[in-house]
Amino acid sequence: MIGKKIRLERIIDRNSRRTVIIPMDHGVTVGPIEGLADMRTAISKVVAGGANAILMHKGVVRAGHRGAGKDVGLIIHLSGGTSLSPDPNAKELVCTVEEAIKLGADAVSVHINLGAQTDKEMLWQLGQVSERCMVWQMPLVTMMYTRGTKIKDEYDVNNVKHAARVGAELGADIVKVVYTGSVESFTEVVQGCPVPVVIAGGPKMDSDEDIFKMVDGALKAGAAGVSIGRNAFQHRKPEKMVEALSKMVHKGASVEEAIAVLKN
């Protein structure tokens, strides 16, 4: 397991044992949205802020993922689906573990929507990717969501902790889920998942303080970090937002201290 251990050290801080991941795979899903039209600039800004890893699709990697010249972990996303699809919740594999290795990836990620009409196909895909990750000693990040006609509330703790557990049971090394809204409820998610859990950032929030409160609650519940995209790269000061998140995740900074980073 030495290969996987070495690669995980490139995306998880050795001291804090936590991570700040900035997903930038949105171009496939919704196109060149604000903040991602110029990928080189966007990447440079989040890397300058101190992100541990960036997450993107294979085609963008060829544009240069190291950003401002600083080293940063690279997670290549293997799943694809667009908002134009008849079923936006359906995700297909659009890259392989072997392709990711050739591109220099430190990890790969897969998106699963439990409750979608095609969730059995997505689970099959996860199983296949997990097997290849084991063969090649490649860390696997699973984005686990509950979305579909049966899902009344994707933030419900029972749904979220089930999703997290599915990711872990099928071979994930890191599981990404939504935050359930409170320290108490998210503690259930973390305690029920035997691998590190990070929280998704979700849609762009109106308040910086709300973002930091969400992160603070998740960390207090035992989360291993964050995987925040739009609330980082669409921020008016992406470098400062990532810096503030990093100080919360790795240094234990408070909400007030994180806000101060933005003001400075």
Protein backbone atom coordinates (compact mmCIF):
# COMPACT_ATOMS: atom_id res chain seq x y z
CA MET A 1 0.00 0.00 0.00
CA ILE A 2 3.06 2.27 -0.10
CA GLY A 3 2.11 3.81 -3.46
CA LYS A 4 -1.30 4.93 -2.22
CA LYS A 5 0.22 6.24 1.01
CA ILE A 6 2.75 8.37 -0.85
CA ARG A 7 0.09 9.81 -3.15
CA LEU A 8 -2.25 10.59 -0.25
CA GLU A 9 0.54 12.58 1.38
CA ARG A 10 0.44 14.91 -1.63
CA ILE A 11 -3.18 15.86 -0.96
CA ILE A 12 -3.45 15.52 2.84
CA ASP A 13 -1.31 17.72 5.09
CA ARG A 14 1.14 15.63 7.09
CA ASN A 15 0.77 17.70 10.25
CA SER A 16 -2.94 18.42 10.48
CA ARG A 17 -3.99 15.23 8.66
CA ARG A 18 -6.56 17.38 6.90
CA THR A 19 -6.99 18.76 3.40
CA VAL A 20 -8.30 21.73 1.42
CA ILE A 21 -9.44 20.56 -2.00
CA ILE A 22 -10.70 23.01 -4.62
CA PRO A 23 -12.89 21.24 -7.20
CA MET A 24 -12.81 22.96 -10.59
CA ASP A 25 -14.63 20.37 -12.70
CA HIS A 26 -17.75 22.49 -13.24
CA GLY A 27 -17.04 23.21 -16.91
CA VAL A 28 -18.39 19.83 -17.99
CA THR A 29 -21.54 20.14 -15.90
CA VAL A 30 -22.51 23.78 -16.49
CA GLY A 31 -19.94 25.28 -18.87
CA PRO A 32 -17.42 28.11 -18.34
CA ILE A 33 -19.09 29.70 -15.34
CA GLU A 34 -17.87 32.81 -13.54
CA GLY A 35 -14.46 32.19 -12.05
CA LEU A 36 -13.54 29.36 -14.42
CA ALA A 37 -13.59 31.05 -17.83
CA ASP A 38 -9.82 31.53 -17.61
CA MET A 39 -8.62 28.29 -16.03
CA ARG A 40 -4.96 29.27 -15.82
CA THR A 41 -5.78 32.37 -13.79
CA ALA A 42 -8.31 30.53 -11.63
CA ILE A 43 -5.86 27.76 -10.83
CA SER A 44 -3.06 30.20 -10.06
CA LYS A 45 -5.23 32.04 -7.55
CA VAL A 46 -6.38 29.01 -5.55
CA VAL A 47 -2.89 27.53 -5.57
CA ALA A 48 -1.47 30.84 -4.31
CA GLY A 49 -4.00 30.70 -1.48
CA GLY A 50 -2.56 27.41 -0.26
CA ALA A 51 -4.89 24.69 -1.55
CA ASN A 52 -3.64 21.17 -0.91
CA ALA A 53 -5.19 19.86 -4.11
CA ILE A 54 -7.21 20.89 -7.13
CA LEU A 55 -9.74 18.65 -8.84
CA MET A 56 -10.45 18.81 -12.56
CA HIS A 57 -11.13 16.92 -15.76
CA LYS A 58 -8.37 15.42 -17.88
CA GLY A 59 -8.55 17.91 -20.75
CA VAL A 60 -7.86 20.88 -18.52
CA VAL A 61 -4.81 19.23 -16.99
CA ARG A 62 -3.01 19.61 -20.31
CA ALA A 63 -3.35 23.40 -19.91
CA GLY A 64 -1.02 23.22 -16.87
CA HIS A 65 -2.34 22.40 -13.42
CA ARG A 66 0.56 23.70 -11.33
CA GLY A 67 -0.76 27.25 -11.49
CA ALA A 68 1.57 29.83 -10.00
CA GLY A 69 4.54 27.50 -10.02
CA LYS A 70 3.80 26.07 -6.58
CA ASP A 71 3.36 22.37 -6.06
CA VAL A 72 -0.24 21.27 -5.59
CA GLY A 73 -1.96 17.92 -5.49
CA LEU A 74 -3.85 16.87 -8.59
CA ILE A 75 -7.12 14.93 -8.47
CA ILE A 76 -8.55 13.96 -11.86
CA HIS A 77 -12.31 13.58 -12.00
CA LEU A 78 -13.46 10.46 -13.81
CA SER A 79 -17.22 11.18 -13.91
CA GLY A 80 -19.11 13.34 -16.36
CA GLY A 81 -22.63 14.61 -16.92
CA THR A 82 -24.15 17.89 -18.08
CA SER A 83 -27.04 20.10 -17.02
CA LEU A 84 -28.35 19.71 -20.58
CA SER A 85 -28.91 15.98 -20.14
CA PRO A 86 -32.44 14.56 -19.85
CA ASP A 87 -31.22 13.25 -16.48
CA PRO A 88 -28.59 15.59 -14.99
CA ASN A 89 -28.20 13.20 -12.04
CA ALA A 90 -26.79 10.48 -14.29
CA LYS A 91 -22.99 10.34 -14.33
CA GLU A 92 -20.85 8.36 -16.75
CA LEU A 93 -17.17 7.45 -16.61
CA VAL A 94 -15.30 9.73 -19.04
CA CYS A 95 -11.76 8.93 -17.94
CA THR A 96 -9.88 5.92 -16.62
CA VAL A 97 -7.48 5.41 -13.75
CA GLU A 98 -4.78 4.55 -16.28
CA GLU A 99 -5.31 7.85 -18.12
CA ALA A 100 -5.09 9.71 -14.83
CA ILE A 101 -1.78 8.01 -14.02
CA LYS A 102 -0.36 9.10 -17.38
CA LEU A 103 -1.39 12.68 -16.60
CA GLY A 104 0.40 12.66 -13.25
CA ALA A 105 -2.61 12.41 -10.95
CA ASP A 106 -2.17 12.04 -7.20
CA ALA A 107 -5.76 10.78 -6.86
CA VAL A 108 -8.94 10.25 -8.86
CA SER A 109 -12.55 11.04 -8.03
CA VAL A 110 -15.96 9.63 -8.91
CA HIS A 111 -19.40 11.25 -8.52
CA ILE A 112 -22.30 9.09 -7.31
CA ASN A 113 -25.94 10.21 -6.93
CA LEU A 114 -27.74 7.67 -4.77
CA GLY A 115 -31.46 7.72 -5.47
CA ALA A 116 -31.07 8.69 -9.12
CA GLN A 117 -32.65 6.51 -11.78
CA THR A 118 -29.20 5.27 -12.78
CA ASP A 119 -27.67 4.85 -9.34
CA LYS A 120 -27.10 1.12 -9.88
CA GLU A 121 -25.00 1.90 -12.95
CA MET A 122 -23.05 4.53 -11.01
CA LEU A 123 -22.42 2.07 -8.19
CA TRP A 124 -21.15 -0.44 -10.73
CA GLN A 125 -18.82 2.22 -12.10
CA LEU A 126 -17.55 2.94 -8.59
CA GLY A 127 -16.83 -0.73 -8.06
CA GLN A 128 -14.84 -0.91 -11.29
CA VAL A 129 -12.83 2.23 -10.51
CA SER A 130 -12.16 1.05 -6.97
CA GLU A 131 -10.66 -2.17 -8.33
CA ARG A 132 -8.36 -0.30 -10.71
CA CYS A 133 -7.33 2.05 -7.92
CA MET A 134 -6.32 -0.93 -5.84
CA VAL A 135 -4.27 -2.36 -8.69
CA TRP A 136 -2.43 0.91 -9.31
CA GLN A 137 -2.34 2.12 -5.68
CA MET A 138 -4.25 5.27 -6.65
CA PRO A 139 -6.22 7.12 -3.94
CA LEU A 140 -9.95 7.34 -4.62
CA VAL A 141 -12.19 10.27 -3.68
CA THR A 142 -15.93 9.66 -3.91
CA MET A 143 -18.43 12.51 -4.16
CA MET A 144 -21.46 10.94 -2.52
CA TYR A 145 -24.84 12.67 -2.88
CA THR A 146 -28.47 11.61 -2.50
CA ARG A 147 -30.52 13.01 -5.35
CA GLY A 148 -33.60 11.74 -7.12
CA THR A 149 -37.36 11.36 -6.89
CA LYS A 150 -37.21 9.32 -3.66
CA ILE A 151 -34.99 11.87 -1.91
CA LYS A 152 -37.02 14.42 0.02
CA ASP A 153 -34.02 16.14 1.63
CA GLU A 154 -30.46 15.50 0.48
CA TYR A 155 -29.16 17.19 3.66
CA ASP A 156 -31.01 14.81 5.98
CA VAL A 157 -28.47 13.17 8.28
CA ASN A 158 -29.77 9.67 7.55
CA ASN A 159 -29.29 10.19 3.83
CA VAL A 160 -25.86 11.77 4.22
CA LYS A 161 -24.44 9.19 6.60
CA HIS A 162 -25.76 6.42 4.35
CA ALA A 163 -24.09 8.01 1.33
CA ALA A 164 -20.80 8.42 3.19
CA ARG A 165 -20.86 4.81 4.31
CA VAL A 166 -21.53 3.56 0.79
CA GLY A 167 -18.45 5.39 -0.46
CA ALA A 168 -16.28 3.89 2.26
CA GLU A 169 -17.75 0.40 1.86
CA LEU A 170 -16.94 0.40 -1.86
CA GLY A 171 -13.33 1.44 -1.50
CA ALA A 172 -13.04 5.23 -1.17
CA ASP A 173 -10.03 6.68 0.61
CA ILE A 174 -11.75 10.06 1.08
CA VAL A 175 -15.51 10.65 1.02
CA LYS A 176 -17.09 13.99 0.10
CA VAL A 177 -20.63 14.76 1.28
CA VAL A 178 -22.82 17.76 2.01
CA TYR A 179 -22.84 19.31 5.48
CA THR A 180 -25.94 18.38 7.48
CA GLY A 181 -26.30 21.73 9.23
CA SER A 182 -25.11 21.05 12.78
CA VAL A 183 -22.13 19.69 14.67
CA GLU A 184 -24.31 17.05 16.32
CA SER A 185 -25.80 15.65 13.13
CA PHE A 186 -22.54 15.73 11.19
CA THR A 187 -20.78 13.91 13.99
CA GLU A 188 -23.08 10.98 13.16
CA VAL A 189 -21.85 11.10 9.56
CA VAL A 190 -18.18 11.11 10.56
CA GLN A 191 -18.59 8.40 13.19
CA GLY A 192 -20.39 6.16 10.71
CA CYS A 193 -17.69 6.45 8.04
CA PRO A 194 -14.36 4.62 8.53
CA VAL A 195 -12.44 6.85 6.10
CA PRO A 196 -11.81 10.64 6.14
CA VAL A 197 -14.85 12.80 5.35
CA VAL A 198 -14.70 16.23 3.70
CA ILE A 199 -17.59 18.60 3.11
CA ALA A 200 -18.84 20.01 -0.17
CA GLY A 201 -19.20 23.76 -0.52
CA GLY A 202 -22.45 23.65 -2.46
CA PRO A 203 -23.93 26.62 -4.35
CA LYS A 204 -22.36 30.07 -4.05
CA MET A 205 -23.31 31.53 -0.67
CA ASP A 206 -24.18 35.18 -0.04
CA SER A 207 -22.16 35.48 3.16
CA ASP A 208 -18.52 34.67 3.89
CA GLU A 209 -19.46 34.18 7.51
CA ASP A 210 -21.96 31.46 6.55
CA ILE A 211 -19.23 29.58 4.69
CA PHE A 212 -16.87 29.78 7.64
CA LYS A 213 -19.56 28.72 10.11
CA MET A 214 -20.29 25.67 7.98
CA VAL A 215 -16.59 24.76 7.87
CA ASP A 216 -16.19 25.38 11.59
CA GLY A 217 -19.11 23.07 12.40
CA ALA A 218 -17.83 20.32 10.13
CA LEU A 219 -14.33 20.46 11.63
CA LYS A 220 -15.71 20.36 15.16
CA ALA A 221 -17.66 17.26 14.15
CA GLY A 222 -14.47 15.57 13.00
CA ALA A 223 -14.35 16.31 9.28
CA ALA A 224 -10.98 15.86 7.59
CA GLY A 225 -11.28 19.08 5.65
CA VAL A 226 -13.21 20.70 2.82
CA SER A 227 -13.81 20.34 -0.90
CA ILE A 228 -15.13 23.79 -1.78
CA GLY A 229 -15.36 25.07 -5.35
CA ARG A 230 -17.71 27.93 -6.21
CA ASN A 231 -17.44 29.57 -2.81
CA ALA A 232 -13.68 29.73 -3.37
CA PHE A 233 -12.96 30.36 -7.06
CA GLN A 234 -16.01 32.66 -7.48
CA HIS A 235 -15.07 34.73 -4.44
CA ARG A 236 -14.02 38.33 -5.03
CA LYS A 237 -10.65 37.38 -3.51
CA PRO A 238 -10.07 33.70 -4.31
CA GLU A 239 -6.54 33.66 -2.88
CA LYS A 240 -7.69 35.11 0.43
CA MET A 241 -10.71 32.80 0.67
CA VAL A 242 -8.53 29.73 0.17
CA GLU A 243 -6.00 31.11 2.64
CA ALA A 244 -8.75 31.62 5.23
CA LEU A 245 -10.12 28.11 4.68
CA SER A 246 -6.62 26.67 4.98
CA LYS A 247 -6.05 28.41 8.30
CA MET A 248 -9.31 27.01 9.64
CA VAL A 249 -8.58 23.49 8.41
CA HIS A 250 -4.88 23.28 9.28
CA LYS A 251 -4.37 25.83 12.06
CA GLY A 252 -7.70 25.71 13.87
CA ALA A 253 -8.54 29.34 13.11
CA SER A 254 -11.92 30.57 14.32
CA VAL A 255 -14.68 32.05 12.18
CA GLU A 256 -13.63 35.51 13.33
CA GLU A 257 -10.00 34.84 12.45
CA ALA A 258 -10.99 33.58 9.01
CA ILE A 259 -13.00 36.75 8.38
CA ALA A 260 -9.97 38.78 9.44
CA VAL A 261 -7.87 37.04 6.78
CA LEU A 262 -10.27 38.30 4.10
CA LYS A 263 -10.18 41.84 5.50
CA ASN A 264 -6.41 41.92 5.57
